[in-house]
Full PDB file with SEQRES, HELIX, SHEET, SSBOND, CRYST1, ORIGX, SCALE, CONECT and MASTER records, all heavy atoms in Angstrom:
SEQRES   1 A   31  PHE THR ILE SER ARG ASN ASN ALA LYS ASN THR VAL TYR          
SEQRES   2 A   31  LEU GLN MET ASN SER LEU LYS PRO GLU ASP THR ALA VAL          
SEQRES   3 A   31  TYR TYR CYS ALA GLN                                          
HELIX    1 AA1 ASN A    7  LYS A    9  5                                   3    
HELIX    2 AA2 PRO A   21  ASP A   23  5                                   3    
SHEET    1 AA1 2 THR A   2  ASN A   6  0                                        
SHEET    2 AA1 2 THR A  11  GLN A  15 -1                                        
CRYST1    1.000    1.000    1.000  90.00  90.00  90.00 P 1           1          
ORIGX1      1.000000  0.000000  0.000000        0.00000                         
ORIGX2      0.000000  1.000000  0.000000        0.00000                         
ORIGX3      0.000000  0.000000  1.000000        0.00000                         
SCALE1      1.000000  0.000000  0.000000        0.00000                         
SCALE2      0.000000  1.000000  0.000000        0.00000                         
SCALE3      0.000000  0.000000  1.000000        0.00000                         
ATOM      1  N   PHE A   1     -21.779  -3.057   7.545  1.00  0.00           N  
ATOM      2  CA  PHE A   1     -20.818  -3.496   6.566  1.00  0.00           C  
ATOM      3  C   PHE A   1     -20.457  -2.283   5.659  1.00  0.00           C  
ATOM      4  O   PHE A   1     -21.328  -1.447   5.356  1.00  0.00           O  
ATOM      5  CB  PHE A   1     -21.376  -4.582   5.689  1.00  0.00           C  
ATOM      6  CG  PHE A   1     -21.599  -5.899   6.341  1.00  0.00           C  
ATOM      7  CD1 PHE A   1     -21.507  -6.061   7.701  1.00  0.00           C  
ATOM      8  CD2 PHE A   1     -21.826  -7.051   5.636  1.00  0.00           C  
ATOM      9  CE1 PHE A   1     -21.651  -7.280   8.310  1.00  0.00           C  
ATOM     10  CE2 PHE A   1     -22.009  -8.263   6.178  1.00  0.00           C  
ATOM     11  CZ  PHE A   1     -21.953  -8.372   7.553  1.00  0.00           C  
ATOM     12  N   THR A   2     -19.237  -2.180   5.244  1.00  0.00           N  
ATOM     13  CA  THR A   2     -18.764  -1.165   4.366  1.00  0.00           C  
ATOM     14  C   THR A   2     -17.942  -1.780   3.260  1.00  0.00           C  
ATOM     15  O   THR A   2     -16.975  -2.502   3.494  1.00  0.00           O  
ATOM     16  CB  THR A   2     -17.906  -0.134   5.101  1.00  0.00           C  
ATOM     17  OG1 THR A   2     -18.690   0.428   6.161  1.00  0.00           O  
ATOM     18  CG2 THR A   2     -17.540   1.036   4.189  1.00  0.00           C  
ATOM     19  N   ILE A   3     -18.239  -1.469   2.008  1.00  0.00           N  
ATOM     20  CA  ILE A   3     -17.487  -1.901   0.883  1.00  0.00           C  
ATOM     21  C   ILE A   3     -16.550  -0.787   0.405  1.00  0.00           C  
ATOM     22  O   ILE A   3     -16.863   0.409   0.438  1.00  0.00           O  
ATOM     23  CB  ILE A   3     -18.382  -2.361  -0.294  1.00  0.00           C  
ATOM     24  CG1 ILE A   3     -17.577  -2.954  -1.396  1.00  0.00           C  
ATOM     25  CG2 ILE A   3     -19.233  -1.217  -0.773  1.00  0.00           C  
ATOM     26  CD1 ILE A   3     -18.453  -3.653  -2.481  1.00  0.00           C  
ATOM     27  N   SER A   4     -15.313  -1.171   0.015  1.00  0.00           N  
ATOM     28  CA  SER A   4     -14.431  -0.127  -0.484  1.00  0.00           C  
ATOM     29  C   SER A   4     -13.521  -0.828  -1.578  1.00  0.00           C  
ATOM     30  O   SER A   4     -13.544  -2.064  -1.705  1.00  0.00           O  
ATOM     31  CB  SER A   4     -13.505   0.423   0.631  1.00  0.00           C  
ATOM     32  OG  SER A   4     -12.781  -0.563   1.253  1.00  0.00           O  
ATOM     33  N   ARG A   5     -12.790   0.014  -2.293  1.00  0.00           N  
ATOM     34  CA  ARG A   5     -11.897  -0.558  -3.271  1.00  0.00           C  
ATOM     35  C   ARG A   5     -10.595   0.173  -3.315  1.00  0.00           C  
ATOM     36  O   ARG A   5     -10.542   1.393  -3.036  1.00  0.00           O  
ATOM     37  CB  ARG A   5     -12.540  -0.590  -4.682  1.00  0.00           C  
ATOM     38  CG  ARG A   5     -12.829   0.815  -5.211  1.00  0.00           C  
ATOM     39  CD  ARG A   5     -13.781   0.757  -6.410  1.00  0.00           C  
ATOM     40  NE  ARG A   5     -13.184   0.148  -7.495  1.00  0.00           N  
ATOM     41  CZ  ARG A   5     -13.858  -0.439  -8.472  1.00  0.00           C  
ATOM     42  NH1 ARG A   5     -15.182  -0.467  -8.492  1.00  0.00           N  
ATOM     43  NH2 ARG A   5     -13.202  -1.008  -9.496  1.00  0.00           N  
ATOM     44  N   ASN A   6      -9.521  -0.526  -3.736  1.00  0.00           N  
ATOM     45  CA  ASN A   6      -8.217   0.060  -3.939  1.00  0.00           C  
ATOM     46  C   ASN A   6      -7.730  -0.315  -5.334  1.00  0.00           C  
ATOM     47  O   ASN A   6      -7.282  -1.488  -5.523  1.00  0.00           O  
ATOM     48  CB  ASN A   6      -7.202  -0.395  -2.849  1.00  0.00           C  
ATOM     49  CG  ASN A   6      -5.866   0.281  -2.945  1.00  0.00           C  
ATOM     50  OD1 ASN A   6      -5.417   0.641  -4.105  1.00  0.00           O  
ATOM     51  ND2 ASN A   6      -5.239   0.562  -1.789  1.00  0.00           N  
ATOM     52  N   ASN A   7      -7.940   0.515  -6.281  1.00  0.00           N  
ATOM     53  CA  ASN A   7      -7.660   0.162  -7.683  1.00  0.00           C  
ATOM     54  C   ASN A   7      -6.179  -0.075  -7.832  1.00  0.00           C  
ATOM     55  O   ASN A   7      -5.806  -0.911  -8.670  1.00  0.00           O  
ATOM     56  CB  ASN A   7      -8.171   1.255  -8.624  1.00  0.00           C  
ATOM     57  CG  ASN A   7      -9.650   1.283  -8.714  1.00  0.00           C  
ATOM     58  OD1 ASN A   7     -10.325   0.295  -8.346  1.00  0.00           O  
ATOM     59  ND2 ASN A   7     -10.162   2.441  -9.139  1.00  0.00           N  
ATOM     60  N   ALA A   8      -5.315   0.645  -7.141  1.00  0.00           N  
ATOM     61  CA  ALA A   8      -3.872   0.418  -7.293  1.00  0.00           C  
ATOM     62  C   ALA A   8      -3.461  -1.003  -6.858  1.00  0.00           C  
ATOM     63  O   ALA A   8      -2.519  -1.530  -7.413  1.00  0.00           O  
ATOM     64  CB  ALA A   8      -3.167   1.512  -6.430  1.00  0.00           C  
ATOM     65  N   LYS A   9      -4.217  -1.525  -5.921  1.00  0.00           N  
ATOM     66  CA  LYS A   9      -3.901  -2.866  -5.457  1.00  0.00           C  
ATOM     67  C   LYS A   9      -4.862  -3.905  -6.144  1.00  0.00           C  
ATOM     68  O   LYS A   9      -4.726  -5.158  -5.841  1.00  0.00           O  
ATOM     69  CB  LYS A   9      -4.067  -3.065  -3.949  1.00  0.00           C  
ATOM     70  CG  LYS A   9      -3.004  -2.205  -3.146  1.00  0.00           C  
ATOM     71  CD  LYS A   9      -3.142  -2.444  -1.668  1.00  0.00           C  
ATOM     72  CE  LYS A   9      -2.123  -1.742  -0.923  1.00  0.00           C  
ATOM     73  NZ  LYS A   9      -2.191  -2.010   0.559  1.00  0.00           N  
ATOM     74  N   ASN A  10      -5.693  -3.459  -7.023  1.00  0.00           N  
ATOM     75  CA  ASN A  10      -6.689  -4.340  -7.713  1.00  0.00           C  
ATOM     76  C   ASN A  10      -7.461  -5.205  -6.732  1.00  0.00           C  
ATOM     77  O   ASN A  10      -7.664  -6.387  -6.953  1.00  0.00           O  
ATOM     78  CB  ASN A  10      -5.919  -5.224  -8.719  1.00  0.00           C  
ATOM     79  CG  ASN A  10      -6.557  -5.206 -10.036  1.00  0.00           C  
ATOM     80  OD1 ASN A  10      -7.121  -4.141 -10.456  1.00  0.00           O  
ATOM     81  ND2 ASN A  10      -6.466  -6.305 -10.815  1.00  0.00           N  
ATOM     82  N   THR A  11      -7.881  -4.596  -5.593  1.00  0.00           N  
ATOM     83  CA  THR A  11      -8.509  -5.317  -4.533  1.00  0.00           C  
ATOM     84  C   THR A  11      -9.781  -4.530  -4.066  1.00  0.00           C  
ATOM     85  O   THR A  11      -9.754  -3.309  -4.035  1.00  0.00           O  
ATOM     86  CB  THR A  11      -7.549  -5.424  -3.346  1.00  0.00           C  
ATOM     87  OG1 THR A  11      -6.358  -6.210  -3.854  1.00  0.00           O  
ATOM     88  CG2 THR A  11      -8.179  -6.184  -2.235  1.00  0.00           C  
ATOM     89  N   VAL A  12     -10.736  -5.332  -3.651  1.00  0.00           N  
ATOM     90  CA  VAL A  12     -11.974  -4.806  -3.092  1.00  0.00           C  
ATOM     91  C   VAL A  12     -12.133  -5.373  -1.704  1.00  0.00           C  
ATOM     92  O   VAL A  12     -11.733  -6.548  -1.457  1.00  0.00           O  
ATOM     93  CB  VAL A  12     -13.229  -5.211  -3.953  1.00  0.00           C  
ATOM     94  CG1 VAL A  12     -14.467  -4.734  -3.325  1.00  0.00           C  
ATOM     95  CG2 VAL A  12     -13.077  -4.620  -5.374  1.00  0.00           C  
ATOM     96  N   TYR A  13     -12.683  -4.573  -0.826  1.00  0.00           N  
ATOM     97  CA  TYR A  13     -12.778  -4.972   0.588  1.00  0.00           C  
ATOM     98  C   TYR A  13     -14.239  -4.975   1.106  1.00  0.00           C  
ATOM     99  O   TYR A  13     -15.073  -4.259   0.555  1.00  0.00           O  
ATOM    100  CB  TYR A  13     -11.953  -4.060   1.475  1.00  0.00           C  
ATOM    101  CG  TYR A  13     -10.547  -3.954   1.087  1.00  0.00           C  
ATOM    102  CD1 TYR A  13     -10.053  -2.948   0.259  1.00  0.00           C  
ATOM    103  CD2 TYR A  13      -9.561  -4.913   1.446  1.00  0.00           C  
ATOM    104  CE1 TYR A  13      -8.760  -2.810  -0.146  1.00  0.00           C  
ATOM    105  CE2 TYR A  13      -8.279  -4.815   1.044  1.00  0.00           C  
ATOM    106  CZ  TYR A  13      -7.845  -3.788   0.243  1.00  0.00           C  
ATOM    107  OH  TYR A  13      -6.564  -3.721  -0.122  1.00  0.00           O  
ATOM    108  N   LEU A  14     -14.530  -5.811   2.090  1.00  0.00           N  
ATOM    109  CA  LEU A  14     -15.731  -5.694   2.801  1.00  0.00           C  
ATOM    110  C   LEU A  14     -15.487  -5.675   4.308  1.00  0.00           C  
ATOM    111  O   LEU A  14     -15.108  -6.675   4.809  1.00  0.00           O  
ATOM    112  CB  LEU A  14     -16.676  -6.844   2.407  1.00  0.00           C  
ATOM    113  CG  LEU A  14     -18.106  -6.785   3.078  1.00  0.00           C  
ATOM    114  CD1 LEU A  14     -18.899  -5.614   2.467  1.00  0.00           C  
ATOM    115  CD2 LEU A  14     -18.851  -8.104   2.855  1.00  0.00           C  
ATOM    116  N   GLN A  15     -15.614  -4.565   4.875  1.00  0.00           N  
ATOM    117  CA  GLN A  15     -15.466  -4.452   6.329  1.00  0.00           C  
ATOM    118  C   GLN A  15     -16.725  -4.823   7.029  1.00  0.00           C  
ATOM    119  O   GLN A  15     -17.781  -4.127   6.741  1.00  0.00           O  
ATOM    120  CB  GLN A  15     -14.975  -3.011   6.707  1.00  0.00           C  
ATOM    121  CG  GLN A  15     -14.870  -2.762   8.165  1.00  0.00           C  
ATOM    122  CD  GLN A  15     -13.719  -3.594   8.801  1.00  0.00           C  
ATOM    123  OE1 GLN A  15     -12.643  -3.718   8.264  1.00  0.00           O  
ATOM    124  NE2 GLN A  15     -13.956  -4.149   9.914  1.00  0.00           N  
ATOM    125  N   MET A  16     -16.722  -5.773   7.854  1.00  0.00           N  
ATOM    126  CA  MET A  16     -17.939  -6.264   8.586  1.00  0.00           C  
ATOM    127  C   MET A  16     -17.756  -6.029  10.098  1.00  0.00           C  
ATOM    128  O   MET A  16     -16.908  -6.618  10.706  1.00  0.00           O  
ATOM    129  CB  MET A  16     -18.137  -7.711   8.200  1.00  0.00           C  
ATOM    130  CG  MET A  16     -18.197  -8.013   6.711  1.00  0.00           C  
ATOM    131  SD  MET A  16     -18.639  -9.694   6.345  1.00  0.00           S  
ATOM    132  CE  MET A  16     -17.289 -10.614   7.088  1.00  0.00           C  
ATOM    133  N   ASN A  17     -18.626  -5.243  10.644  1.00  0.00           N  
ATOM    134  CA  ASN A  17     -18.657  -4.972  12.015  1.00  0.00           C  
ATOM    135  C   ASN A  17     -19.975  -5.481  12.674  1.00  0.00           C  
ATOM    136  O   ASN A  17     -20.946  -5.700  11.919  1.00  0.00           O  
ATOM    137  CB  ASN A  17     -18.482  -3.482  12.294  1.00  0.00           C  
ATOM    138  CG  ASN A  17     -17.129  -2.895  11.764  1.00  0.00           C  
ATOM    139  OD1 ASN A  17     -16.104  -3.638  11.734  1.00  0.00           O  
ATOM    140  ND2 ASN A  17     -17.195  -1.708  11.294  1.00  0.00           N  
ATOM    141  N   SER A  18     -20.007  -5.556  13.943  1.00  0.00           N  
ATOM    142  CA  SER A  18     -21.187  -5.959  14.716  1.00  0.00           C  
ATOM    143  C   SER A  18     -21.838  -7.122  14.085  1.00  0.00           C  
ATOM    144  O   SER A  18     -23.020  -7.211  13.835  1.00  0.00           O  
ATOM    145  CB  SER A  18     -22.195  -4.761  14.712  1.00  0.00           C  
ATOM    146  OG  SER A  18     -21.598  -3.641  15.305  1.00  0.00           O  
ATOM    147  N   LEU A  19     -20.964  -8.176  13.884  1.00  0.00           N  
ATOM    148  CA  LEU A  19     -21.481  -9.421  13.182  1.00  0.00           C  
ATOM    149  C   LEU A  19     -22.512 -10.117  14.048  1.00  0.00           C  
ATOM    150  O   LEU A  19     -22.413 -10.167  15.271  1.00  0.00           O  
ATOM    151  CB  LEU A  19     -20.273 -10.278  12.846  1.00  0.00           C  
ATOM    152  CG  LEU A  19     -19.513  -9.808  11.610  1.00  0.00           C  
ATOM    153  CD1 LEU A  19     -18.095 -10.465  11.582  1.00  0.00           C  
ATOM    154  CD2 LEU A  19     -20.292 -10.184  10.361  1.00  0.00           C  
ATOM    155  N   LYS A  20     -23.457 -10.699  13.315  1.00  0.00           N  
ATOM    156  CA  LYS A  20     -24.536 -11.480  14.000  1.00  0.00           C  
ATOM    157  C   LYS A  20     -24.494 -12.919  13.437  1.00  0.00           C  
ATOM    158  O   LYS A  20     -23.986 -13.209  12.320  1.00  0.00           O  
ATOM    159  CB  LYS A  20     -25.892 -10.868  13.578  1.00  0.00           C  
ATOM    160  CG  LYS A  20     -26.008  -9.312  13.903  1.00  0.00           C  
ATOM    161  CD  LYS A  20     -27.304  -8.806  13.348  1.00  0.00           C  
ATOM    162  CE  LYS A  20     -27.496  -7.383  13.691  1.00  0.00           C  
ATOM    163  NZ  LYS A  20     -28.773  -6.799  13.162  1.00  0.00           N  
ATOM    164  N   PRO A  21     -25.063 -13.842  14.215  1.00  0.00           N  
ATOM    165  CA  PRO A  21     -25.083 -15.232  13.733  1.00  0.00           C  
ATOM    166  C   PRO A  21     -25.735 -15.404  12.326  1.00  0.00           C  
ATOM    167  O   PRO A  21     -25.287 -16.241  11.566  1.00  0.00           O  
ATOM    168  CB  PRO A  21     -25.875 -15.913  14.828  1.00  0.00           C  
ATOM    169  CG  PRO A  21     -25.633 -15.194  16.038  1.00  0.00           C  
ATOM    170  CD  PRO A  21     -25.519 -13.756  15.579  1.00  0.00           C  
ATOM    171  N   GLU A  22     -26.709 -14.536  12.020  1.00  0.00           N  
ATOM    172  CA  GLU A  22     -27.355 -14.622  10.757  1.00  0.00           C  
ATOM    173  C   GLU A  22     -26.472 -14.143   9.622  1.00  0.00           C  
ATOM    174  O   GLU A  22     -26.878 -14.274   8.455  1.00  0.00           O  
ATOM    175  CB  GLU A  22     -28.714 -13.840  10.720  1.00  0.00           C  
ATOM    176  CG  GLU A  22     -28.601 -12.455  11.280  1.00  0.00           C  
ATOM    177  CD  GLU A  22     -29.005 -12.290  12.735  1.00  0.00           C  
ATOM    178  OE1 GLU A  22     -28.610 -13.205  13.552  1.00  0.00           O  
ATOM    179  OE2 GLU A  22     -29.746 -11.363  13.110  1.00  0.00           O  
ATOM    180  N   ASP A  23     -25.354 -13.597   9.892  1.00  0.00           N  
ATOM    181  CA  ASP A  23     -24.414 -13.275   8.827  1.00  0.00           C  
ATOM    182  C   ASP A  23     -23.556 -14.478   8.403  1.00  0.00           C  
ATOM    183  O   ASP A  23     -22.787 -14.335   7.404  1.00  0.00           O  
ATOM    184  CB  ASP A  23     -23.421 -12.100   9.356  1.00  0.00           C  
ATOM    185  CG  ASP A  23     -24.108 -10.776   9.613  1.00  0.00           C  
ATOM    186  OD1 ASP A  23     -25.044 -10.449   8.811  1.00  0.00           O  
ATOM    187  OD2 ASP A  23     -23.809 -10.145  10.632  1.00  0.00           O  
ATOM    188  N   THR A  24     -23.705 -15.588   9.031  1.00  0.00           N  
ATOM    189  CA  THR A  24     -22.966 -16.789   8.702  1.00  0.00           C  
ATOM    190  C   THR A  24     -23.321 -17.189   7.261  1.00  0.00           C  
ATOM    191  O   THR A  24     -24.462 -17.379   6.948  1.00  0.00           O  
ATOM    192  CB  THR A  24     -23.311 -17.882   9.705  1.00  0.00           C  
ATOM    193  OG1 THR A  24     -22.811 -17.553  10.966  1.00  0.00           O  
ATOM    194  CG2 THR A  24     -22.635 -19.207   9.226  1.00  0.00           C  
ATOM    195  N   ALA A  25     -22.298 -17.278   6.472  1.00  0.00           N  
ATOM    196  CA  ALA A  25     -22.495 -17.656   5.047  1.00  0.00           C  
ATOM    197  C   ALA A  25     -21.134 -17.778   4.369  1.00  0.00           C  
ATOM    198  O   ALA A  25     -20.099 -17.401   4.945  1.00  0.00           O  
ATOM    199  CB  ALA A  25     -23.298 -16.563   4.316  1.00  0.00           C  
ATOM    200  N   VAL A  26     -21.154 -18.220   3.114  1.00  0.00           N  
ATOM    201  CA  VAL A  26     -20.022 -18.184   2.236  1.00  0.00           C  
ATOM    202  C   VAL A  26     -20.239 -16.803   1.484  1.00  0.00           C  
ATOM    203  O   VAL A  26     -21.191 -16.522   0.926  1.00  0.00           O  
ATOM    204  CB  VAL A  26     -19.937 -19.343   1.244  1.00  0.00           C  
ATOM    205  CG1 VAL A  26     -18.785 -19.124   0.326  1.00  0.00           C  
ATOM    206  CG2 VAL A  26     -19.846 -20.620   1.987  1.00  0.00           C  
ATOM    207  N   TYR A  27     -19.133 -16.006   1.546  1.00  0.00           N  
ATOM    208  CA  TYR A  27     -19.163 -14.655   0.870  1.00  0.00           C  
ATOM    209  C   TYR A  27     -18.381 -14.695  -0.441  1.00  0.00           C  
ATOM    210  O   TYR A  27     -17.257 -15.251  -0.450  1.00  0.00           O  
ATOM    211  CB  TYR A  27     -18.546 -13.653   1.839  1.00  0.00           C  
ATOM    212  CG  TYR A  27     -19.476 -13.220   2.956  1.00  0.00           C  
ATOM    213  CD1 TYR A  27     -19.811 -14.199   3.975  1.00  0.00           C  
ATOM    214  CD2 TYR A  27     -20.142 -11.985   2.963  1.00  0.00           C  
ATOM    215  CE1 TYR A  27     -20.708 -13.824   5.002  1.00  0.00           C  
ATOM    216  CE2 TYR A  27     -21.014 -11.670   3.976  1.00  0.00           C  
ATOM    217  CZ  TYR A  27     -21.316 -12.595   5.007  1.00  0.00           C  
ATOM    218  OH  TYR A  27     -22.202 -12.242   5.942  1.00  0.00           O  
ATOM    219  N   TYR A  28     -19.009 -14.178  -1.433  1.00  0.00           N  
ATOM    220  CA  TYR A  28     -18.472 -14.208  -2.742  1.00  0.00           C  
ATOM    221  C   TYR A  28     -18.239 -12.777  -3.288  1.00  0.00           C  
ATOM    222  O   TYR A  28     -19.072 -11.935  -3.075  1.00  0.00           O  
ATOM    223  CB  TYR A  28     -19.421 -14.854  -3.758  1.00  0.00           C  
ATOM    224  CG  TYR A  28     -19.665 -16.354  -3.413  1.00  0.00           C  
ATOM    225  CD1 TYR A  28     -20.726 -16.753  -2.588  1.00  0.00           C  
ATOM    226  CD2 TYR A  28     -18.819 -17.399  -3.954  1.00  0.00           C  
ATOM    227  CE1 TYR A  28     -20.958 -18.116  -2.356  1.00  0.00           C  
ATOM    228  CE2 TYR A  28     -19.063 -18.707  -3.672  1.00  0.00           C  
ATOM    229  CZ  TYR A  28     -20.090 -19.083  -2.887  1.00  0.00           C  
ATOM    230  OH  TYR A  28     -20.375 -20.311  -2.598  1.00  0.00           O  
ATOM    231  N   CYS A  29     -17.102 -12.642  -3.989  1.00  0.00           N  
ATOM    232  CA  CYS A  29     -16.817 -11.415  -4.659  1.00  0.00           C  
ATOM    233  C   CYS A  29     -17.193 -11.533  -6.155  1.00  0.00           C  
ATOM    234  O   CYS A  29     -17.030 -12.658  -6.678  1.00  0.00           O  
ATOM    235  CB  CYS A  29     -15.352 -11.102  -4.510  1.00  0.00           C  
ATOM    236  SG  CYS A  29     -14.683  -9.770  -5.455  1.00  0.00           S  
ATOM    237  N   ALA A  30     -17.639 -10.443  -6.744  1.00  0.00           N  
ATOM    238  CA  ALA A  30     -18.010 -10.570  -8.194  1.00  0.00           C  
ATOM    239  C   ALA A  30     -17.649  -9.210  -8.847  1.00  0.00           C  
ATOM    240  O   ALA A  30     -17.618  -8.178  -8.288  1.00  0.00           O  
ATOM    241  CB  ALA A  30     -19.535 -10.777  -8.299  1.00  0.00           C  
ATOM    242  N   GLN A  31     -17.404  -9.407 -10.179  1.00  0.00           N  
ATOM    243  CA  GLN A  31     -17.021  -8.255 -11.026  1.00  0.00           C  
ATOM    244  C   GLN A  31     -17.916  -8.127 -12.253  1.00  0.00           C  
ATOM    245  O   GLN A  31     -18.195  -9.110 -12.910  1.00  0.00           O  
ATOM    246  CB  GLN A  31     -15.582  -8.381 -11.490  1.00  0.00           C  
ATOM    247  CG  GLN A  31     -15.091  -7.150 -12.258  1.00  0.00           C  
ATOM    248  CD  GLN A  31     -13.644  -7.255 -12.684  1.00  0.00           C  
ATOM    249  OE1 GLN A  31     -13.127  -8.356 -13.003  1.00  0.00           O  
ATOM    250  NE2 GLN A  31     -12.929  -6.159 -12.655  1.00  0.00           N  
TER     251      GLN A  31                                                      
MASTER        0    0    0    2    2    0    0    6  250    1    0    3          
END                                                                             
């Protein structure tokens, strides 16, 4: 997983690769 941000777009990202069944969840963003 890689987190990144684009302040100009006021957006944060989470790139998730090689996903596993144990990654199943509700994902929350926080500030």
